[in-house]
Amino acid sequence: MKPATLTSLAAAMLLAASVSALAQMGSGGMSGGSMSSSGSDSSMTCQAMMDKANNMSKPSDLTKKMEAARQMDMAKAAMAKGDEMNCKSHMKTALRDMM
């Protein structure tokens, strides 16, 4: 695929995820203090999850902020090793901590 096509595809995925998250938040999609992420995050690549996290606001709670950063660092290390499953696992935890 051409780089422009990949960029457009990534932007479309990010936009779709953002719209979905906003729709859930606007309709009371928060349950028990966190959004359900098992459905959409499981089909995302680890890189898409990282992109999503980078576009989110950081939590004001210092402990959650530090734990999210730690989980993202572990996800990057897993990605560098080619371990998509562990990368996604760490990113799911990081995204949860950022909510």
N, C-alpha and C. Protein backbone atom coordinates (compact mmCIF):
# COMPACT_ATOMS: atom_id res chain seq x y z
N MET A 1 0.83 -1.19 0.00
CA MET A 1 0.00 0.00 0.00
C MET A 1 0.87 1.24 0.00
N LYS A 2 0.38 2.29 -0.61
CA LYS A 2 1.10 3.56 -0.64
C LYS A 2 1.02 4.21 0.74
N PRO A 3 2.06 4.97 1.10
CA PRO A 3 2.03 5.65 2.41
C PRO A 3 0.82 6.56 2.58
N ALA A 4 0.40 7.22 1.52
CA ALA A 4 -0.76 8.10 1.62
C ALA A 4 -2.03 7.30 1.93
N THR A 5 -2.14 6.12 1.35
CA THR A 5 -3.30 5.27 1.61
C THR A 5 -3.30 4.80 3.05
N LEU A 6 -2.12 4.41 3.55
CA LEU A 6 -2.02 3.98 4.94
C LEU A 6 -2.35 5.11 5.89
N THR A 7 -1.88 6.31 5.58
CA THR A 7 -2.17 7.47 6.41
C THR A 7 -3.66 7.76 6.43
N SER A 8 -4.28 7.70 5.26
CA SER A 8 -5.73 7.94 5.18
C SER A 8 -6.51 6.88 5.94
N LEU A 9 -6.08 5.63 5.83
CA LEU A 9 -6.74 4.54 6.53
C LEU A 9 -6.60 4.71 8.03
N ALA A 10 -5.40 5.06 8.49
CA ALA A 10 -5.17 5.27 9.93
C ALA A 10 -6.01 6.45 10.44
N ALA A 11 -6.09 7.51 9.67
CA ALA A 11 -6.89 8.67 10.07
C ALA A 11 -8.37 8.30 10.15
N ALA A 12 -8.84 7.51 9.20
CA ALA A 12 -10.24 7.09 9.22
C ALA A 12 -10.54 6.22 10.43
N MET A 13 -9.61 5.32 10.77
CA MET A 13 -9.80 4.46 11.94
C MET A 13 -9.83 5.29 13.22
N LEU A 14 -8.93 6.25 13.30
CA LEU A 14 -8.87 7.10 14.47
C LEU A 14 -10.14 7.94 14.60
N LEU A 15 -10.62 8.47 13.48
CA LEU A 15 -11.85 9.26 13.49
C LEU A 15 -13.03 8.41 13.92
N ALA A 16 -13.11 7.19 13.41
CA ALA A 16 -14.21 6.30 13.78
C ALA A 16 -14.17 5.97 15.26
N ALA A 17 -12.98 5.73 15.78
CA ALA A 17 -12.85 5.42 17.22
C ALA A 17 -13.23 6.63 18.06
N SER A 18 -12.83 7.82 17.61
CA SER A 18 -13.15 9.05 18.35
C SER A 18 -14.64 9.31 18.37
N VAL A 19 -15.29 9.15 17.22
CA VAL A 19 -16.73 9.38 17.13
C VAL A 19 -17.47 8.38 18.01
N SER A 20 -17.02 7.12 17.99
CA SER A 20 -17.65 6.11 18.81
C SER A 20 -17.50 6.43 20.30
N ALA A 21 -16.31 6.85 20.70
CA ALA A 21 -16.08 7.19 22.11
C ALA A 21 -16.92 8.39 22.52
N LEU A 22 -17.00 9.39 21.66
CA LEU A 22 -17.81 10.57 21.98
C LEU A 22 -19.29 10.21 22.08
N ALA A 23 -19.73 9.34 21.20
CA ALA A 23 -21.14 8.93 21.24
C ALA A 23 -21.45 8.19 22.53
N GLN A 24 -20.53 7.33 22.96
CA GLN A 24 -20.74 6.58 24.20
C GLN A 24 -20.75 7.53 25.39
N MET A 25 -19.86 8.49 25.40
CA MET A 25 -19.79 9.43 26.51
C MET A 25 -21.04 10.31 26.55
N GLY A 26 -21.50 10.71 25.39
CA GLY A 26 -22.66 11.58 25.31
C GLY A 26 -23.95 10.88 25.70
N SER A 27 -23.99 9.56 25.53
CA SER A 27 -25.22 8.83 25.83
C SER A 27 -25.14 8.07 27.15
N GLY A 28 -24.24 8.53 28.01
CA GLY A 28 -24.11 7.86 29.31
C GLY A 28 -23.44 6.51 29.17
N GLY A 29 -22.50 6.37 28.22
CA GLY A 29 -21.83 5.11 27.97
C GLY A 29 -20.85 4.72 29.06
N MET A 30 -20.67 5.54 30.07
CA MET A 30 -19.76 5.19 31.13
C MET A 30 -20.52 4.38 32.17
N SER A 31 -19.94 3.25 32.52
CA SER A 31 -20.59 2.38 33.47
C SER A 31 -19.57 1.96 34.52
N GLY A 32 -19.85 2.26 35.76
CA GLY A 32 -18.93 1.87 36.81
C GLY A 32 -17.61 2.62 36.76
N GLY A 33 -17.60 3.80 36.16
CA GLY A 33 -16.40 4.61 36.13
C GLY A 33 -15.48 4.35 34.95
N SER A 34 -15.80 3.40 34.09
CA SER A 34 -14.95 3.18 32.93
C SER A 34 -15.79 2.80 31.73
N MET A 35 -15.26 3.13 30.55
CA MET A 35 -15.97 2.79 29.33
C MET A 35 -15.65 1.34 28.96
N SER A 36 -16.59 0.68 28.36
CA SER A 36 -16.35 -0.67 27.89
C SER A 36 -15.41 -0.60 26.70
N SER A 37 -14.30 -1.31 26.77
CA SER A 37 -13.34 -1.25 25.69
C SER A 37 -13.09 -2.61 25.04
N SER A 38 -13.72 -3.64 25.54
CA SER A 38 -13.42 -4.96 25.03
C SER A 38 -13.84 -5.15 23.58
N GLY A 39 -14.93 -4.54 23.16
CA GLY A 39 -15.41 -4.73 21.80
C GLY A 39 -14.56 -4.08 20.75
N SER A 40 -14.34 -2.78 20.84
CA SER A 40 -13.63 -2.08 19.78
C SER A 40 -12.13 -2.24 19.89
N ASP A 41 -11.56 -2.26 21.11
CA ASP A 41 -10.12 -2.35 21.26
C ASP A 41 -9.57 -3.70 20.82
N SER A 42 -10.36 -4.76 20.95
CA SER A 42 -9.85 -6.08 20.60
C SER A 42 -9.62 -6.22 19.10
N SER A 43 -10.32 -5.45 18.30
CA SER A 43 -10.14 -5.53 16.85
C SER A 43 -9.12 -4.52 16.34
N MET A 44 -8.65 -3.63 17.22
CA MET A 44 -7.66 -2.63 16.83
C MET A 44 -6.26 -3.23 16.89
N THR A 45 -5.36 -2.70 16.06
CA THR A 45 -3.96 -3.08 16.18
C THR A 45 -3.37 -2.34 17.37
N CYS A 46 -2.24 -2.80 17.84
CA CYS A 46 -1.58 -2.13 18.97
C CYS A 46 -1.21 -0.70 18.58
N GLN A 47 -0.74 -0.50 17.35
CA GLN A 47 -0.37 0.84 16.90
C GLN A 47 -1.59 1.76 16.90
N ALA A 48 -2.75 1.25 16.48
CA ALA A 48 -3.97 2.05 16.50
C ALA A 48 -4.36 2.42 17.93
N MET A 49 -4.15 1.47 18.85
CA MET A 49 -4.45 1.75 20.26
C MET A 49 -3.50 2.82 20.81
N MET A 50 -2.23 2.77 20.40
CA MET A 50 -1.27 3.79 20.82
C MET A 50 -1.66 5.16 20.27
N ASP A 51 -2.06 5.19 19.01
CA ASP A 51 -2.51 6.44 18.40
C ASP A 51 -3.72 7.00 19.15
N LYS A 52 -4.64 6.13 19.49
CA LYS A 52 -5.83 6.54 20.24
C LYS A 52 -5.42 7.13 21.59
N ALA A 53 -4.52 6.46 22.28
CA ALA A 53 -4.07 6.93 23.60
C ALA A 53 -3.36 8.28 23.49
N ASN A 54 -2.57 8.45 22.44
CA ASN A 54 -1.84 9.71 22.27
C ASN A 54 -2.76 10.89 22.01
N ASN A 55 -3.95 10.62 21.50
CA ASN A 55 -4.91 11.69 21.22
C ASN A 55 -5.88 11.94 22.36
N MET A 56 -5.77 11.15 23.42
CA MET A 56 -6.65 11.32 24.58
C MET A 56 -6.02 12.30 25.56
N SER A 57 -6.86 12.93 26.36
CA SER A 57 -6.32 13.78 27.41
C SER A 57 -5.78 12.89 28.52
N LYS A 58 -4.73 13.36 29.16
CA LYS A 58 -4.10 12.59 30.22
C LYS A 58 -4.90 12.75 31.51
N PRO A 59 -4.96 11.71 32.34
CA PRO A 59 -5.71 11.80 33.60
C PRO A 59 -5.07 12.81 34.55
N SER A 60 -5.90 13.47 35.35
CA SER A 60 -5.37 14.44 36.31
C SER A 60 -4.79 13.74 37.54
N ASP A 61 -5.23 12.53 37.82
CA ASP A 61 -4.71 11.74 38.94
C ASP A 61 -3.29 11.29 38.60
N LEU A 62 -2.31 11.75 39.38
CA LEU A 62 -0.91 11.47 39.10
C LEU A 62 -0.62 9.97 39.09
N THR A 63 -1.22 9.21 39.98
CA THR A 63 -0.99 7.77 40.03
C THR A 63 -1.46 7.10 38.74
N LYS A 64 -2.66 7.45 38.28
CA LYS A 64 -3.18 6.87 37.03
C LYS A 64 -2.33 7.31 35.85
N LYS A 65 -1.91 8.57 35.87
CA LYS A 65 -1.08 9.10 34.78
C LYS A 65 0.24 8.34 34.69
N MET A 66 0.86 8.09 35.83
CA MET A 66 2.13 7.37 35.85
C MET A 66 1.95 5.91 35.44
N GLU A 67 0.87 5.28 35.89
CA GLU A 67 0.62 3.88 35.54
C GLU A 67 0.31 3.76 34.04
N ALA A 68 -0.43 4.70 33.49
CA ALA A 68 -0.71 4.68 32.05
C ALA A 68 0.58 4.81 31.26
N ALA A 69 1.46 5.71 31.69
CA ALA A 69 2.74 5.90 31.00
C ALA A 69 3.60 4.64 31.10
N ARG A 70 3.58 3.99 32.27
CA ARG A 70 4.35 2.76 32.46
C ARG A 70 3.82 1.66 31.54
N GLN A 71 2.49 1.53 31.47
CA GLN A 71 1.89 0.52 30.60
C GLN A 71 2.20 0.80 29.13
N MET A 72 2.21 2.07 28.74
CA MET A 72 2.52 2.42 27.34
C MET A 72 3.98 2.10 27.03
N ASP A 73 4.88 2.32 27.99
CA ASP A 73 6.29 1.97 27.78
C ASP A 73 6.45 0.46 27.60
N MET A 74 5.73 -0.31 28.40
CA MET A 74 5.79 -1.77 28.26
C MET A 74 5.19 -2.21 26.92
N ALA A 75 4.14 -1.52 26.48
CA ALA A 75 3.53 -1.83 25.19
C ALA A 75 4.53 -1.55 24.05
N LYS A 76 5.25 -0.44 24.15
CA LYS A 76 6.25 -0.11 23.12
C LYS A 76 7.36 -1.16 23.09
N ALA A 77 7.78 -1.63 24.27
CA ALA A 77 8.81 -2.66 24.33
C ALA A 77 8.30 -3.96 23.69
N ALA A 78 7.05 -4.31 23.97
CA ALA A 78 6.47 -5.52 23.37
C ALA A 78 6.36 -5.37 21.86
N MET A 79 5.99 -4.18 21.40
CA MET A 79 5.87 -3.95 19.96
C MET A 79 7.24 -4.07 19.30
N ALA A 80 8.27 -3.55 19.96
CA ALA A 80 9.63 -3.64 19.40
C ALA A 80 10.07 -5.09 19.24
N LYS A 81 9.56 -5.98 20.09
CA LYS A 81 9.87 -7.41 20.01
C LYS A 81 8.95 -8.14 19.04
N GLY A 82 7.96 -7.43 18.49
CA GLY A 82 7.01 -8.05 17.58
C GLY A 82 5.92 -8.82 18.29
N ASP A 83 5.70 -8.53 19.56
CA ASP A 83 4.71 -9.24 20.39
C ASP A 83 3.41 -8.43 20.44
N GLU A 84 2.59 -8.60 19.43
CA GLU A 84 1.35 -7.84 19.29
C GLU A 84 0.38 -8.10 20.45
N MET A 85 0.29 -9.36 20.88
CA MET A 85 -0.66 -9.72 21.93
C MET A 85 -0.33 -9.00 23.24
N ASN A 86 0.93 -9.04 23.67
CA ASN A 86 1.30 -8.35 24.90
C ASN A 86 1.23 -6.83 24.74
N CYS A 87 1.56 -6.35 23.57
CA CYS A 87 1.45 -4.92 23.30
C CYS A 87 0.01 -4.46 23.51
N LYS A 88 -0.93 -5.19 22.92
CA LYS A 88 -2.35 -4.84 23.05
C LYS A 88 -2.82 -4.96 24.50
N SER A 89 -2.32 -5.96 25.21
CA SER A 89 -2.71 -6.13 26.60
C SER A 89 -2.28 -4.92 27.44
N HIS A 90 -1.05 -4.48 27.25
CA HIS A 90 -0.56 -3.30 27.98
C HIS A 90 -1.31 -2.04 27.56
N MET A 91 -1.65 -1.94 26.28
CA MET A 91 -2.38 -0.75 25.81
C MET A 91 -3.80 -0.73 26.35
N LYS A 92 -4.44 -1.89 26.49
CA LYS A 92 -5.78 -1.93 27.08
C LYS A 92 -5.74 -1.40 28.51
N THR A 93 -4.71 -1.81 29.25
CA THR A 93 -4.56 -1.33 30.63
C THR A 93 -4.28 0.16 30.64
N ALA A 94 -3.42 0.62 29.74
CA ALA A 94 -3.11 2.06 29.68
C ALA A 94 -4.35 2.87 29.34
N LEU A 95 -5.13 2.41 28.38
CA LEU A 95 -6.36 3.13 28.00
C LEU A 95 -7.35 3.17 29.16
N ARG A 96 -7.45 2.06 29.88
CA ARG A 96 -8.34 2.02 31.04
C ARG A 96 -7.88 3.03 32.10
N ASP A 97 -6.57 3.10 32.32
CA ASP A 97 -6.04 4.04 33.31
C ASP A 97 -6.24 5.50 32.88
N MET A 98 -6.38 5.72 31.59
CA MET A 98 -6.55 7.09 31.09
C MET A 98 -7.99 7.56 31.13
N MET A 99 -8.91 6.67 31.39
CA MET A 99 -10.34 7.03 31.44
C MET A 99 -10.67 7.75 32.73
